[in-house]
Structure formats: structure tokens, C-alpha cells
C-alpha atoms as a PDB file:
ATOM      1  CA  MET A   1     -36.722 118.932 -60.783  1.00  0.00           C
ATOM      2  CA  ALA A   2     -35.263 120.519 -57.028  1.00  0.00           C
ATOM      3  CA  ILE A   3     -33.573 118.304 -54.222  1.00  0.00           C
ATOM      4  CA  GLN A   4     -34.941 119.228 -51.135  1.00  0.00           C
ATOM      5  CA  ILE A   5     -32.593 118.336 -47.924  1.00  0.00           C
ATOM      6  CA  PRO A   6     -34.945 117.324 -44.682  1.00  0.00           C
ATOM      7  CA  ILE A   7     -32.580 119.632 -42.631  1.00  0.00           C
ATOM      8  CA  ASP A   8     -34.369 119.269 -39.284  1.00  0.00           C
ATOM      9  CA  ALA A   9     -34.064 115.175 -39.491  1.00  0.00           C
ATOM     10  CA  ILE A  10     -30.579 116.413 -39.448  1.00  0.00           C
ATOM     11  CA  THR A  11     -29.873 118.587 -36.942  1.00  0.00           C
ATOM     12  CA  SER A  12     -32.475 117.525 -34.379  1.00  0.00           C
ATOM     13  CA  ARG A  13     -30.506 114.697 -33.634  1.00  0.00           C
ATOM     14  CA  PHE A  14     -27.727 116.979 -31.659  1.00  0.00           C
ATOM     15  CA  GLY A  15     -30.910 118.131 -29.466  1.00  0.00           C
ATOM     16  CA  ASP A  16     -30.680 121.215 -27.957  1.00  0.00           C
ATOM     17  CA  ARG A  17     -26.823 120.965 -27.703  1.00  0.00           C
ATOM     18  CA  PHE A  18     -26.106 123.658 -30.130  1.00  0.00           C
ATOM     19  CA  ASN A  19     -28.649 126.240 -29.992  1.00  0.00           C
ATOM     20  CA  ASN A  20     -27.535 128.081 -26.638  1.00  0.00           C
ATOM     21  CA  LEU A  21     -23.935 128.985 -28.514  1.00  0.00           C
ATOM     22  CA  ARG A  22     -26.075 130.586 -30.916  1.00  0.00           C
ATOM     23  CA  SER A  23     -27.937 132.650 -28.660  1.00  0.00           C
ATOM     24  CA  GLN A  24     -24.587 133.479 -26.157  1.00  0.00           C
ATOM     25  CA  SER A  25     -22.405 136.637 -26.834  1.00  0.00           C
ATOM     26  CA  LEU A  26     -18.706 136.538 -26.943  1.00  0.00           C
ATOM     27  CA  SER A  27     -18.328 137.393 -23.298  1.00  0.00           C
ATOM     28  CA  THR A  28     -20.922 135.079 -22.119  1.00  0.00           C
ATOM     29  CA  ARG A  29     -18.844 132.604 -23.668  1.00  0.00           C
ATOM     30  CA  PHE A  30     -16.214 132.830 -22.880  1.00  0.00           C
ATOM     31  CA  ALA A  31     -16.667 133.568 -18.977  1.00  0.00           C
ATOM     32  CA  ASN A  32     -16.385 129.938 -18.495  1.00  0.00           C
ATOM     33  CA  LEU A  33     -13.174 129.566 -19.522  1.00  0.00           C
ATOM     34  CA  ARG A  34     -10.960 127.095 -17.388  1.00  0.00           C
ATOM     35  CA  PRO A  35      -7.447 128.541 -16.365  1.00  0.00           C
ATOM     36  CA  VAL A  36      -4.474 126.615 -18.093  1.00  0.00           C
ATOM     37  CA  SER A  37      -3.262 124.682 -14.875  1.00  0.00           C
ATOM     38  CA  GLU A  38      -6.621 122.594 -14.460  1.00  0.00           C
ATOM     39  CA  PHE A  39      -7.146 122.358 -18.245  1.00  0.00           C
ATOM     40  CA  LEU A  40      -3.490 121.111 -18.738  1.00  0.00           C
ATOM     41  CA  ASP A  41      -3.771 118.725 -15.677  1.00  0.00           C
ATOM     42  CA  ILE A  42      -1.438 116.308 -16.072  1.00  0.00           C
ATOM     43  CA  LYS A  43      -2.575 114.456 -12.735  1.00  0.00           C
ATOM     44  CA  ARG A  44      -6.302 114.127 -14.715  1.00  0.00           C
ATOM     45  CA  VAL A  45      -4.214 112.361 -17.855  1.00  0.00           C
ATOM     46  CA  SER A  46      -5.208 108.488 -17.900  1.00  0.00           C
ATOM     47  CA  LYS A  47      -6.205 106.066 -20.890  1.00  0.00           C
ATOM     48  CA  PRO A  48     -10.004 104.970 -20.499  1.00  0.00           C
ATOM     49  CA  ASN A  49     -10.852 101.350 -19.854  1.00  0.00           C
ATOM     50  CA  ASN A  50     -13.906 101.187 -22.235  1.00  0.00           C
ATOM     51  CA  PHE A  51     -15.630 102.953 -25.192  1.00  0.00           C
ATOM     52  CA  GLY A  52     -18.391 104.111 -21.888  1.00  0.00           C
ATOM     53  CA  GLU A  53     -15.537 105.193 -20.604  1.00  0.00           C
ATOM     54  CA  VAL A  54     -14.405 106.845 -23.536  1.00  0.00           C
ATOM     55  CA  GLN A  55     -17.900 108.214 -24.104  1.00  0.00           C
ATOM     56  CA  SER A  56     -18.685 109.340 -20.734  1.00  0.00           C
ATOM     57  CA  ARG A  57     -15.549 111.880 -21.168  1.00  0.00           C
ATOM     58  CA  VAL A  58     -15.892 113.577 -23.811  1.00  0.00           C
ATOM     59  CA  ASN A  59     -19.794 114.083 -22.696  1.00  0.00           C
ATOM     60  CA  TYR A  60     -18.160 115.842 -19.784  1.00  0.00           C
ATOM     61  CA  ASN A  61     -14.936 117.549 -21.457  1.00  0.00           C
ATOM     62  CA  LEU A  62     -17.035 118.742 -23.774  1.00  0.00           C
ATOM     63  CA  SER A  63     -19.315 120.886 -21.386  1.00  0.00           C
ATOM     64  CA  TYR A  64     -16.998 121.564 -18.956  1.00  0.00           C
ATOM     65  CA  PHE A  65     -14.135 122.816 -21.566  1.00  0.00           C
ATOM     66  CA  SER A  66     -15.925 124.335 -24.348  1.00  0.00           C
ATOM     67  CA  SER A  67     -14.390 127.758 -24.150  1.00  0.00           C
ATOM     68  CA  ASN A  68     -11.394 126.495 -23.857  1.00  0.00           C
ATOM     69  CA  TYR A  69     -11.603 124.255 -27.097  1.00  0.00           C
ATOM     70  CA  ALA A  70     -13.392 127.580 -28.306  1.00  0.00           C
ATOM     71  CA  VAL A  71      -9.749 128.630 -28.387  1.00  0.00           C
ATOM     72  CA  VAL A  72      -8.134 125.856 -29.324  1.00  0.00           C
ATOM     73  CA  PHE A  73      -9.757 126.151 -32.756  1.00  0.00           C
ATOM     74  CA  ILE A  74      -9.345 130.239 -32.416  1.00  0.00           C
ATOM     75  CA  MET A  75      -5.510 129.123 -32.251  1.00  0.00           C
ATOM     76  CA  LEU A  76      -5.871 126.836 -34.750  1.00  0.00           C
ATOM     77  CA  SER A  77      -6.984 129.067 -37.139  1.00  0.00           C
ATOM     78  CA  ILE A  78      -4.619 132.270 -36.613  1.00  0.00           C
ATOM     79  CA  TYR A  79      -2.185 129.476 -36.821  1.00  0.00           C
ATOM     80  CA  SER A  80      -3.765 127.930 -40.414  1.00  0.00           C
ATOM     81  CA  LEU A  81      -3.870 131.649 -41.993  1.00  0.00           C
ATOM     82  CA  LEU A  82      -0.594 132.716 -40.289  1.00  0.00           C
ATOM     83  CA  SER A  83       0.817 129.441 -41.945  1.00  0.00           C
ATOM     84  CA  ASN A  84      -0.692 129.864 -45.359  1.00  0.00           C
ATOM     85  CA  ALA A  85       0.559 133.238 -46.550  1.00  0.00           C
ATOM     86  CA  LEU A  86      -1.440 133.905 -49.931  1.00  0.00           C
ATOM     87  CA  LEU A  87      -4.652 132.748 -48.079  1.00  0.00           C
ATOM     88  CA  LEU A  88      -4.309 135.623 -45.658  1.00  0.00           C
ATOM     89  CA  PHE A  89      -3.795 138.035 -48.032  1.00  0.00           C
ATOM     90  CA  VAL A  90      -6.461 137.123 -50.305  1.00  0.00           C
ATOM     91  CA  ILE A  91      -8.600 137.295 -47.416  1.00  0.00           C
ATOM     92  CA  ILE A  92      -6.972 140.935 -46.369  1.00  0.00           C
ATOM     93  CA  PHE A  93      -7.015 141.743 -50.248  1.00  0.00           C
ATOM     94  CA  VAL A  94     -10.917 140.677 -51.346  1.00  0.00           C
ATOM     95  CA  SER A  95     -11.711 142.301 -47.636  1.00  0.00           C
ATOM     96  CA  CYS A  96     -10.555 145.395 -48.041  1.00  0.00           C
ATOM     97  CA  GLY A  97     -11.286 145.415 -51.718  1.00  0.00           C
ATOM     98  CA  LEU A  98     -15.063 145.144 -50.722  1.00  0.00           C
ATOM     99  CA  TYR A  99     -14.646 147.945 -47.915  1.00  0.00           C
ATOM    100  CA  GLY A 100     -12.960 150.189 -50.697  1.00  0.00           C
ATOM    101  CA  ILE A 101     -15.446 149.956 -52.590  1.00  0.00           C
ATOM    102  CA  GLY A 102     -18.263 150.402 -50.074  1.00  0.00           C
ATOM    103  CA  LYS A 103     -17.228 153.273 -49.544  1.00  0.00           C
ATOM    104  CA  LEU A 104     -18.052 154.632 -52.812  1.00  0.00           C
ATOM    105  CA  ASN A 105     -21.632 154.864 -51.848  1.00  0.00           C
ATOM    106  CA  GLY A 106     -22.715 153.898 -55.687  1.00  0.00           C
ATOM    107  CA  ARG A 107     -20.444 156.260 -57.074  1.00  0.00           C
ATOM    108  CA  ASP A 108     -17.606 156.198 -59.930  1.00  0.00           C
ATOM    109  CA  LEU A 109     -13.879 155.458 -59.246  1.00  0.00           C
ATOM    110  CA  ASP A 110     -12.553 158.555 -61.482  1.00  0.00           C
ATOM    111  CA  LEU A 111      -8.615 157.979 -61.783  1.00  0.00           C
ATOM    112  CA  GLY A 112      -8.467 160.370 -64.452  1.00  0.00           C
ATOM    113  CA  PHE A 113      -7.169 157.603 -67.125  1.00  0.00           C
ATOM    114  CA  ALA A 114     -10.356 155.951 -66.647  1.00  0.00           C
ATOM    115  CA  ARG A 115     -13.883 155.730 -64.749  1.00  0.00           C
ATOM    116  CA  PHE A 116     -14.814 152.202 -63.484  1.00  0.00           C
ATOM    117  CA  ASN A 117     -18.402 152.228 -61.775  1.00  0.00           C
ATOM    118  CA  THR A 118     -19.363 149.061 -58.712  1.00  0.00           C
ATOM    119  CA  SER A 119     -20.380 146.803 -60.848  1.00  0.00           C
ATOM    120  CA  GLN A 120     -17.157 147.230 -62.677  1.00  0.00           C
ATOM    121  CA  LEU A 121     -15.249 147.158 -59.483  1.00  0.00           C
ATOM    122  CA  TYR A 122     -16.792 143.878 -58.196  1.00  0.00           C
ATOM    123  CA  THR A 123     -16.447 142.120 -61.308  1.00  0.00           C
ATOM    124  CA  GLY A 124     -12.607 143.837 -61.191  1.00  0.00           C
ATOM    125  CA  LEU A 125     -12.579 142.186 -58.013  1.00  0.00           C
ATOM    126  CA  LEU A 126     -14.036 138.709 -58.416  1.00  0.00           C
ATOM    127  CA  ILE A 127     -11.006 138.064 -61.404  1.00  0.00           C
ATOM    128  CA  VAL A 128      -8.318 138.895 -59.724  1.00  0.00           C
ATOM    129  CA  GLY A 129      -9.324 137.081 -56.252  1.00  0.00           C
ATOM    130  CA  LEU A 130     -11.252 134.146 -57.240  1.00  0.00           C
ATOM    131  CA  PRO A 131      -8.732 133.008 -58.798  1.00  0.00           C
ATOM    132  CA  LEU A 132      -6.088 133.984 -56.370  1.00  0.00           C
ATOM    133  CA  GLY A 133      -8.264 132.733 -53.447  1.00  0.00           C
ATOM    134  CA  ILE A 134      -8.578 128.718 -55.262  1.00  0.00           C
ATOM    135  CA  TRP A 135      -4.852 129.015 -55.757  1.00  0.00           C
ATOM    136  CA  ALA A 136      -4.620 129.580 -52.353  1.00  0.00           C
ATOM    137  CA  SER A 137      -6.381 126.233 -51.198  1.00  0.00           C
ATOM    138  CA  PRO A 138      -9.164 127.412 -48.658  1.00  0.00           C
ATOM    139  CA  ILE A 139     -10.681 123.921 -48.775  1.00  0.00           C
ATOM    140  CA  SER A 140      -7.669 122.184 -47.659  1.00  0.00           C
ATOM    141  CA  THR A 141      -6.821 124.720 -45.202  1.00  0.00           C
ATOM    142  CA  ALA A 142     -10.294 124.546 -43.392  1.00  0.00           C
ATOM    143  CA  LEU A 143     -10.195 120.307 -44.416  1.00  0.00           C
ATOM    144  CA  TRP A 144      -6.765 120.621 -41.919  1.00  0.00           C
ATOM    145  CA  LEU A 145      -8.584 123.001 -39.025  1.00  0.00           C
ATOM    146  CA  ILE A 146     -10.892 120.566 -38.975  1.00  0.00           C
ATOM    147  CA  GLY A 147      -9.002 117.763 -38.833  1.00  0.00           C
ATOM    148  CA  ALA A 148      -6.573 119.224 -36.486  1.00  0.00           C
ATOM    149  CA  THR A 149      -9.185 120.534 -34.083  1.00  0.00           C
ATOM    150  CA  GLY A 150     -10.888 117.148 -33.906  1.00  0.00           C
ATOM    151  CA  VAL A 151      -7.671 115.336 -33.399  1.00  0.00           C
ATOM    152  CA  SER A 152      -6.843 118.108 -30.047  1.00  0.00           C
ATOM    153  CA  VAL A 153     -10.490 118.489 -28.600  1.00  0.00           C
ATOM    154  CA  PHE A 154     -11.434 114.817 -28.884  1.00  0.00           C
ATOM    155  CA  GLY A 155      -8.183 113.189 -28.054  1.00  0.00           C
ATOM    156  CA  HIS A 156      -8.091 115.457 -24.842  1.00  0.00           C
ATOM    157  CA  ALA A 157     -11.728 114.862 -23.848  1.00  0.00           C
ATOM    158  CA  ALA A 158     -10.998 111.256 -24.234  1.00  0.00           C
ATOM    159  CA  LEU A 159      -8.012 111.144 -22.303  1.00  0.00           C
ATOM    160  CA  MET A 160      -9.095 113.974 -19.257  1.00  0.00           C
ATOM    161  CA  ASP A 161     -10.210 111.802 -16.530  1.00  0.00           C
ATOM    162  CA  LYS A 162     -13.239 113.879 -14.546  1.00  0.00           C
ATOM    163  CA  PRO A 163     -12.640 115.383 -11.221  1.00  0.00           C
ATOM    164  CA  ILE A 164     -13.186 113.131  -8.214  1.00  0.00           C
ATOM    165  CA  GLU A 165     -16.041 114.517  -7.138  1.00  0.00           C
ATOM    166  CA  ASN A 166     -17.649 114.019  -9.941  1.00  0.00           C
ATOM    167  CA  ALA A 167     -16.657 110.601 -11.064  1.00  0.00           C
ATOM    168  CA  PHE A 168     -18.433 109.132  -7.635  1.00  0.00           C
ATOM    169  CA  SER A 169     -21.948 111.033  -8.062  1.00  0.00           C
ATOM    170  CA  GLU A 170     -22.492 109.577 -10.943  1.00  0.00           C
ATOM    171  CA  GLU A 171     -22.266 106.210  -9.691  1.00  0.00           C
ATOM    172  CA  ALA A 172     -25.199 104.448  -8.285  1.00  0.00           C
ATOM    173  CA  VAL A 173     -25.604 103.140  -4.825  1.00  0.00           C
END
């Protein structure tokens, strides 16, 4: 019996927020990168009065600083790979192995004393790469990355007040 997961029911709750991110190129994605002085403006940091204000700030700042938050995620990703040298080695090792096997174009690898076909090479790469990959703890690194990004992004978005001109435009008269 197969388990059916209604993906549409899960993703429909996000609305169209993430649909435009998939269709953008990298240059257009980072075109609205805000300056560091605006992103780290200490004068605009304040404690929100209530949960409604937190929601309002997070909604505004997630769209306004979206490219800056993507850069924060990339920087934390680089830091997590540099601080987990074994995981970085495994990623480079497997990537170079797949590249090297792909460069053979289906031909056998002849070392003089032994001859290996591509199936044997892929199997050897799997036998070496999988235990190393498990030992490198990629799941804990990914969970740390999710947690660190969440705390950084949502903490910044909740504490960074909206600009003065935007704060008055939302008030009802």
C-alpha cells in the first residue's frame, strides 16, 4: 500500500510567496540587495510591543531584505562547510569522483594491472563515499544550518523596525 502525500495541500498554504523565487535568475535575485548600513541599522532596532507588531515586521522585512537573508544563508552555509572539514572533503571527493567517472564516457578505466568498468567505479565510489558521508554528519550540519539561519533571519526581521515612511502609510485614517 503506497502512502499518498498531498503536496498541494501543504504548498498551497504558502501562497505565491515562493513561486517567483524559482523563476528568477541569480542576477535578478540579488539585484535588490540592500546596503549593509541599511541592513544593520542599529537605530531601527527595537523591541516589538506585541505579537501583531512582530508579524507585521517579519512580513515586511522578509520581503524587503530577502536578498540580504539569502546572503546570510549562503555565508552560514560556507561557515558550516568550513567548520566541518570532513563533510567538505566528502563533498569534494564524491564530486570529483563523479566528474572523473563521467569523463570516461562509458569506457573502462585501465590502470595497467587492473581494469574497471563504470559500474565498478560507481560502486567503489559508493562504498567509500557513503560511510564517509555518514561519518561526516551531514544531517546535524543541515539542522544546525536551518536553526542558525532561522534564528538570524527571523530575529533580525522581528527586531528591525520598518522605516518611518512605511510605518505611517499602513495606519488607517
